[in-house]
Protein backbone atom coordinates (compact mmCIF):
# COMPACT_ATOMS: atom_id res chain seq x y z
CA MET A 1 8.43 135.93 283.35
CA ARG A 2 7.93 139.51 284.44
CA LYS A 3 4.33 140.32 285.35
CA PRO A 4 2.55 143.14 283.49
CA CYS A 5 2.73 146.44 285.37
CA VAL A 6 -0.49 148.33 286.16
CA ILE A 7 -0.13 151.79 287.71
CA LEU A 8 -3.21 153.51 289.14
CA ILE A 9 -3.06 157.23 289.98
CA GLY A 10 -6.06 158.79 291.68
CA SER A 11 -6.70 162.32 292.90
CA SER A 12 -9.31 165.05 292.82
CA SER A 13 -9.38 167.56 289.96
CA GLY A 14 -6.46 169.99 289.78
CA ILE A 15 -3.88 168.07 291.83
CA GLY A 16 -1.78 167.26 288.75
CA LYS A 17 -2.39 163.54 288.20
CA SER A 18 -2.58 163.79 284.39
CA THR A 19 0.86 165.40 284.17
CA ILE A 20 2.38 162.89 286.59
CA ALA A 21 0.76 159.94 284.80
CA SER A 22 2.13 161.11 281.45
CA GLU A 23 5.64 161.64 282.84
CA LEU A 24 5.62 158.29 284.61
CA ALA A 25 4.40 156.41 281.53
CA LYS A 26 7.15 158.07 279.48
CA GLU A 27 9.81 157.22 282.08
CA LEU A 28 8.77 153.56 282.22
CA GLY A 29 8.10 153.18 278.50
CA ILE A 30 4.42 152.33 279.03
CA LYS A 31 2.42 153.06 275.87
CA HIS A 32 -1.09 152.52 277.29
CA LEU A 33 -2.34 155.51 279.32
CA ILE A 34 -6.07 155.85 280.01
CA GLU A 35 -8.10 158.53 281.82
CA THR A 36 -11.08 157.31 283.83
CA ASP A 37 -13.14 160.20 282.40
CA PHE A 38 -13.10 158.38 279.03
CA ILE A 39 -14.21 155.15 280.71
CA ARG A 40 -16.99 157.08 282.45
CA GLU A 41 -18.29 158.39 279.10
CA ILE A 42 -18.58 154.84 277.78
CA VAL A 43 -20.48 153.77 280.89
CA ARG A 44 -22.79 156.79 280.50
CA GLY A 45 -23.65 155.55 277.01
CA ILE A 46 -24.76 152.23 278.50
CA ILE A 47 -26.45 153.34 281.72
CA GLY A 48 -28.95 156.15 281.34
CA PRO A 49 -29.58 159.11 283.69
CA ASP A 50 -32.92 157.71 284.86
CA TYR A 51 -31.18 154.66 286.34
CA ALA A 52 -27.96 156.36 287.48
CA PRO A 53 -28.46 160.13 287.89
CA ALA A 54 -25.22 160.49 289.92
CA LEU A 55 -23.21 159.03 287.03
CA HIS A 56 -24.49 161.74 284.68
CA LYS A 57 -23.32 164.50 287.01
CA SER A 58 -19.71 165.52 287.61
CA SER A 59 -17.81 163.92 290.47
CA PHE A 60 -18.05 167.14 292.50
CA ASP A 61 -21.79 167.79 292.18
CA ALA A 62 -23.18 164.25 292.04
CA TYR A 63 -24.46 164.76 295.59
CA VAL A 64 -27.39 166.83 294.28
CA THR A 65 -28.94 163.60 292.93
CA LEU A 66 -28.91 161.79 296.27
CA LYS A 67 -32.20 161.01 297.96
CA ASN A 68 -32.78 161.54 301.68
CA LYS A 69 -30.13 164.26 301.93
CA GLN A 70 -31.48 165.06 305.39
CA ARG A 71 -29.80 161.92 306.77
CA TYR A 72 -26.48 163.77 306.52
CA ASP A 73 -27.81 166.25 309.08
CA GLY A 74 -26.17 169.29 307.49
CA ASN A 75 -22.73 167.64 307.22
CA THR A 76 -21.73 169.03 303.81
CA ALA A 77 -18.46 167.10 303.56
CA ASN A 78 -20.19 163.74 304.16
CA LEU A 79 -22.93 164.62 301.68
CA ILE A 80 -20.45 165.55 298.91
CA SER A 81 -18.32 162.47 299.65
CA ALA A 82 -21.39 160.20 299.47
CA GLY A 83 -22.40 161.71 296.12
CA PHE A 84 -18.88 161.26 294.78
CA GLU A 85 -18.78 157.65 295.98
CA GLU A 86 -22.12 156.97 294.26
CA HIS A 87 -20.79 158.57 291.06
CA ALA A 88 -17.52 156.58 291.11
CA SER A 89 -19.20 153.26 291.94
CA PHE A 90 -20.74 153.10 288.45
CA VAL A 91 -17.35 153.61 286.76
CA ILE A 92 -15.24 151.24 288.87
CA PRO A 93 -16.55 147.93 287.40
CA ALA A 94 -15.55 149.18 283.93
CA ILE A 95 -12.11 150.22 285.23
CA GLU A 96 -11.63 146.71 286.62
CA LYS A 97 -12.55 145.27 283.20
CA VAL A 98 -9.86 147.45 281.58
CA ILE A 99 -7.29 146.24 284.12
CA LYS A 100 -8.30 142.62 283.49
CA ARG A 101 -7.89 143.08 279.74
CA ALA A 102 -4.40 144.55 280.22
CA VAL A 103 -3.42 141.68 282.51
CA ASP A 104 -4.84 139.05 280.14
CA ASP A 105 -3.01 140.64 277.19
CA TYR A 106 0.17 141.02 279.25
CA ASP A 107 0.21 144.79 278.62
CA ASP A 108 1.65 147.42 280.93
CA LEU A 109 -0.90 150.12 281.71
CA VAL A 110 -1.28 153.47 283.47
CA ILE A 111 -4.77 154.58 284.52
CA GLU A 112 -5.37 158.00 286.07
CA GLY A 113 -8.52 159.66 287.30
CA VAL A 114 -10.71 160.76 290.15
CA HIS A 115 -12.71 157.51 289.99
CA LEU A 116 -9.82 155.42 291.35
CA VAL A 117 -11.08 155.14 294.90
CA PRO A 118 -9.18 152.99 297.42
CA GLY A 119 -11.56 150.61 299.13
CA LEU A 120 -14.00 150.61 296.21
CA LEU A 121 -11.57 149.46 293.52
CA ASP A 122 -10.66 145.80 294.11
CA VAL A 123 -7.00 145.48 293.10
CA GLU A 124 -6.33 142.39 295.23
CA LYS A 125 -7.80 140.08 292.61
CA PHE A 126 -5.14 141.19 290.10
CA LYS A 127 -2.07 140.98 292.32
CA LYS A 128 -1.39 137.32 291.56
CA ASP A 129 -1.02 138.00 287.82
CA ALA A 130 0.19 141.62 287.71
CA SER A 131 2.38 144.13 289.52
CA ILE A 132 -0.24 146.58 290.77
CA HIS A 133 0.86 149.99 292.02
CA PHE A 134 -1.89 152.23 293.41
CA PHE A 135 -1.25 155.86 294.40
CA VAL A 136 -3.33 158.80 295.55
CA LEU A 137 -1.89 162.26 294.93
CA THR A 138 -2.61 165.26 297.12
CA ALA A 139 -1.37 168.85 297.60
CA ASP A 140 -1.68 171.62 300.17
CA GLU A 141 -4.92 173.57 299.83
CA GLU A 142 -3.38 176.77 298.45
CA VAL A 143 -1.28 174.86 295.91
CA HIS A 144 -4.35 172.85 294.95
CA LYS A 145 -6.44 175.99 294.48
CA GLU A 146 -3.82 177.59 292.22
CA ARG A 147 -3.52 174.49 290.05
CA PHE A 148 -7.29 174.02 289.99
CA VAL A 149 -7.81 177.52 288.60
CA LYS A 150 -5.06 177.12 285.99
CA ARG A 151 -6.47 173.77 284.86
CA ALA A 152 -10.02 175.12 284.62
CA MET A 153 -8.88 178.03 282.45
CA LYS A 154 -6.62 175.85 280.31
CA ILE A 155 -9.37 173.42 279.39
CA LYS A 156 -11.87 176.29 279.08
CA ARG A 157 -13.99 175.21 281.99
CA GLY A 158 -13.89 178.47 283.91
CA GLY A 159 -16.95 180.12 285.40
CA LYS A 160 -19.19 177.43 286.83
CA HIS A 161 -16.36 174.91 287.14
CA LEU A 162 -14.30 177.32 289.26
CA GLU A 163 -17.16 177.59 291.73
CA TYR A 164 -16.63 173.98 292.78
CA PHE A 165 -13.18 174.16 294.33
CA LYS A 166 -14.59 173.56 297.82
CA GLU A 167 -16.30 170.37 296.63
CA ASN A 168 -13.13 169.18 294.91
CA ARG A 169 -11.13 169.84 298.07
CA ILE A 170 -13.57 167.69 300.04
CA ILE A 171 -13.09 164.94 297.45
CA ASN A 172 -9.32 165.28 297.88
CA ASN A 173 -9.65 164.80 301.63
CA TYR A 174 -11.98 161.84 301.13
CA LEU A 175 -9.54 160.12 298.75
CA VAL A 176 -6.62 160.68 301.14
CA LYS A 177 -8.66 159.22 304.01
CA GLN A 178 -9.63 156.19 301.92
CA ALA A 179 -6.01 155.71 300.85
CA LEU A 180 -4.69 155.78 304.42
CA GLU A 181 -7.37 153.35 305.58
CA ASN A 182 -6.57 150.94 302.74
CA ARG A 183 -2.75 151.28 302.87
CA VAL A 184 -2.49 153.01 299.51
CA PRO A 185 0.52 155.38 299.30
CA VAL A 186 -0.40 159.06 299.46
CA ILE A 187 2.10 161.24 297.58
CA ASN A 188 2.24 164.99 298.15
CA ASN A 189 2.60 166.35 294.61
CA ILE A 190 5.00 169.23 295.23
CA THR A 191 6.96 169.10 291.95
CA ILE A 192 6.87 166.76 288.97
CA GLU A 193 10.40 165.44 289.54
CA ASP A 194 9.95 164.96 293.28
CA THR A 195 6.65 163.12 292.85
CA LYS A 196 8.01 160.97 290.04
CA ARG A 197 11.04 159.94 292.12
CA ARG A 198 8.89 158.93 295.08
CA MET A 199 6.59 156.86 292.90
CA LEU A 200 9.48 155.19 291.07
CA THR A 201 11.02 154.26 294.43
CA LEU A 202 7.82 152.40 295.31
CA ILE A 203 7.38 150.88 291.84
CA LYS A 204 10.90 149.71 291.04
CA GLU A 205 11.90 148.56 294.55
CA ILE A 206 15.62 149.11 293.98
CA CYS A 207 16.70 148.41 297.54
CA LYS A 208 19.62 147.36 299.69
CA GLU A 209 19.89 146.33 303.33
CA MET A 210 22.34 148.51 305.24
CA ILE A 211 23.53 148.56 308.84
CA PHE A 212 23.33 151.98 310.48
CA ARG A 213 25.10 153.30 313.54
CA HIS A 214 23.84 156.62 314.86
CA SER A 215 21.94 158.19 317.75
CA VAL A 216 18.26 159.17 317.94
CA ASP A 217 19.29 162.82 317.50
CA GLN A 218 20.67 161.96 314.04
CA LEU A 219 17.37 160.58 312.75
CA ASP A 220 16.60 163.89 311.07
CA VAL A 221 19.88 163.74 309.11
CA GLU A 222 19.20 160.15 308.02
CA THR A 223 15.63 160.84 306.90
CA ASP A 224 16.62 164.11 305.19
CA ILE A 225 19.19 162.31 303.01
CA ILE A 226 17.05 159.28 302.16
CA LEU A 227 13.58 160.83 301.87
CA ASN A 228 14.17 164.45 300.89
CA LYS A 229 17.34 164.47 298.84
CA TYR A 230 16.90 161.19 296.95
CA GLY A 231 13.14 160.59 297.16
CA GLY A 232 13.90 157.26 298.82
CA ARG A 233 12.21 154.93 301.23
CA ILE A 234 13.11 153.33 304.57
CA MET A 235 11.77 149.83 305.21
CA ASP A 236 11.78 147.82 308.42
CA VAL A 237 14.21 148.13 311.30
CA SER A 238 16.15 145.47 313.24
CA TYR A 239 17.87 146.19 316.57
CA PHE A 240 20.77 143.96 317.67
CA LEU A 241 20.41 143.46 321.42
CA PRO A 242 23.04 141.73 323.61
CA GLY A 243 21.89 138.37 324.95
CA PHE A 244 19.20 137.84 322.31
CA SER A 245 19.66 135.13 319.70
CA GLU A 246 17.62 137.06 317.13
CA PRO A 247 17.44 140.81 316.42
CA LEU A 248 14.36 142.73 317.52
CA LYS A 249 12.44 143.48 314.32
CA ARG A 250 9.85 146.16 313.62
CA LYS A 251 7.86 146.74 310.45
CA VAL A 252 8.50 150.19 308.99
CA ASN A 253 7.59 151.73 305.64
CA VAL A 254 8.55 155.41 305.49
CA TYR A 255 8.45 157.26 302.17
CA ASN A 256 6.74 160.52 303.16
CA PRO A 257 9.17 163.16 304.50
CA VAL A 258 6.27 165.03 306.11
CA GLU A 259 5.41 161.99 308.22
CA ALA A 260 9.08 161.53 309.14
CA LYS A 261 9.31 165.16 310.30
CA ARG A 262 6.09 164.74 312.27
CA PHE A 263 7.51 161.66 314.03
CA ILE A 264 10.74 163.47 314.96
CA LYS A 265 8.73 166.49 316.17
CA LEU A 266 6.61 164.22 318.38
CA LEU A 267 9.79 162.75 319.88
CA ASP A 268 11.09 166.22 320.69
CA GLU A 269 7.77 167.17 322.29
CA ASN A 270 7.51 163.95 324.32
CA PRO A 271 10.68 163.48 326.45
CA LYS A 272 9.53 160.11 327.85
CA ARG A 273 8.91 158.64 324.41
CA LYS A 274 12.27 159.94 323.18
CA LYS A 275 14.06 158.55 326.26
CA ASP A 276 12.49 155.11 325.67
CA LEU A 277 13.74 155.09 322.08
CA GLU A 278 17.17 156.30 323.18
CA GLY A 279 17.27 153.42 325.65
CA LEU A 280 16.63 150.94 322.86
CA TYR A 281 19.33 152.57 320.73
CA GLU A 282 21.83 152.44 323.61
CA LEU A 283 21.11 148.75 324.29
CA SER A 284 21.91 147.98 320.66
CA GLY A 285 25.02 150.17 320.63
CA ASN A 286 23.15 152.58 318.32
CA ILE A 287 23.28 149.84 315.66
CA HIS A 288 20.24 148.89 313.59
CA ARG A 289 19.51 147.55 310.14
CA HIS A 290 17.23 149.08 307.49
CA LYS A 291 16.33 148.28 303.93
CA ILE A 292 16.68 151.52 301.97
CA CYS A 293 15.22 152.05 298.49
CA ALA A 294 15.72 154.58 295.69
CA PRO A 295 14.17 155.40 292.29
CA ASP A 296 17.23 154.08 290.41
CA GLU A 297 20.61 152.40 290.98
CA LYS A 298 22.59 155.63 290.61
CA SER A 299 20.50 157.37 293.28
CA LEU A 300 20.85 154.38 295.60
CA GLN A 301 24.65 154.39 295.32
CA SER A 302 24.82 158.17 295.80
CA MET A 303 22.53 157.86 298.83
CA ILE A 304 24.77 155.20 300.40
CA GLU A 305 27.90 157.28 299.78
CA GLU A 306 26.35 160.32 301.43
CA LEU A 307 25.19 158.27 304.42
CA LYS A 308 28.78 157.03 304.78
CA GLU A 309 30.17 160.56 304.55
CA LYS A 310 27.82 161.68 307.32
CA GLY A 311 29.02 158.81 309.52
CA LEU A 312 25.59 157.18 309.72
CA LEU A 313 26.61 153.70 308.50
CA TYR A 314 28.33 151.00 310.50
CA HIS A 315 31.81 150.01 309.30
CA PRO A 316 32.70 146.32 309.84
CA ASP A 317 36.18 147.17 311.12
CA GLU A 318 34.72 149.11 314.07
CA GLU A 319 34.81 147.43 317.50
CA LEU A 320 31.32 146.20 318.46
CA LYS A 321 31.98 145.15 322.08
CA ASP A 322 29.09 142.82 323.04
CA VAL A 323 26.89 143.43 319.98
CA GLU A 324 26.54 140.61 317.47
CA LEU A 325 25.09 141.03 313.97
CA TYR A 326 22.94 138.31 312.46
């Protein structure tokens, strides 16, 4: 039987997680969508401010309740992050109870909120009985600021709330750092459709193994088609080397086009590193195997057709010389 699906979407205020969560729930037909702010209010009714003063502050100003602030030695970012972590730590046990209830009842569920902190939220204990998908959303600082202001005015929390953008930006950076350290996908929320496609690619895992044949200089074309145009994902790589009984395999999981561009830029700036990779490509006759993924079957087929048109895929009728495929 299919496992219940639990999707967790964390980010600081103003990134756009509520909109994305709503769109994703609609796309997947998931009727249960919960904000962690509502869970926090329930916890506040149980745990009073005398026992948990950080809980009764907002996520961005909980640091004012911390004792021994001098131990942060004037490091504002660490102080704000520590206050936020203290604030979130009171909400996380209740979030885990909600996830457990959904899993026990075999219900699909989307939870969104700032309190979903990678490293603090223990999702491993649910993975045996549920399909857990954890994401952290981010945005460039200027985009974040614009959305933050619009959100504050929309929900009539201007004035004082708008003064805390700097604190919310620090929380954004903290969440991204925690996500990277705990292997939680970080999605740059540029547009609703783009973000939704990238998340669906990771959730649905509609994938196919394909054999590619192209040079290192064509990596930018390959990644542009798969990552940018179709919101896809590239997984693992196998090189077929003459004289070896098994292909040389390397673990790869690329879904962020920014990271792909950064990798290609580093190759261009480091001739030795690029030459080493070109040597590996030449040994394998420029042939390697990837698993490529897309948000839906139609996108996957269109992606494959475009890769063929660009001459990036290996055709079985081509002469391979000494290269054998396994």
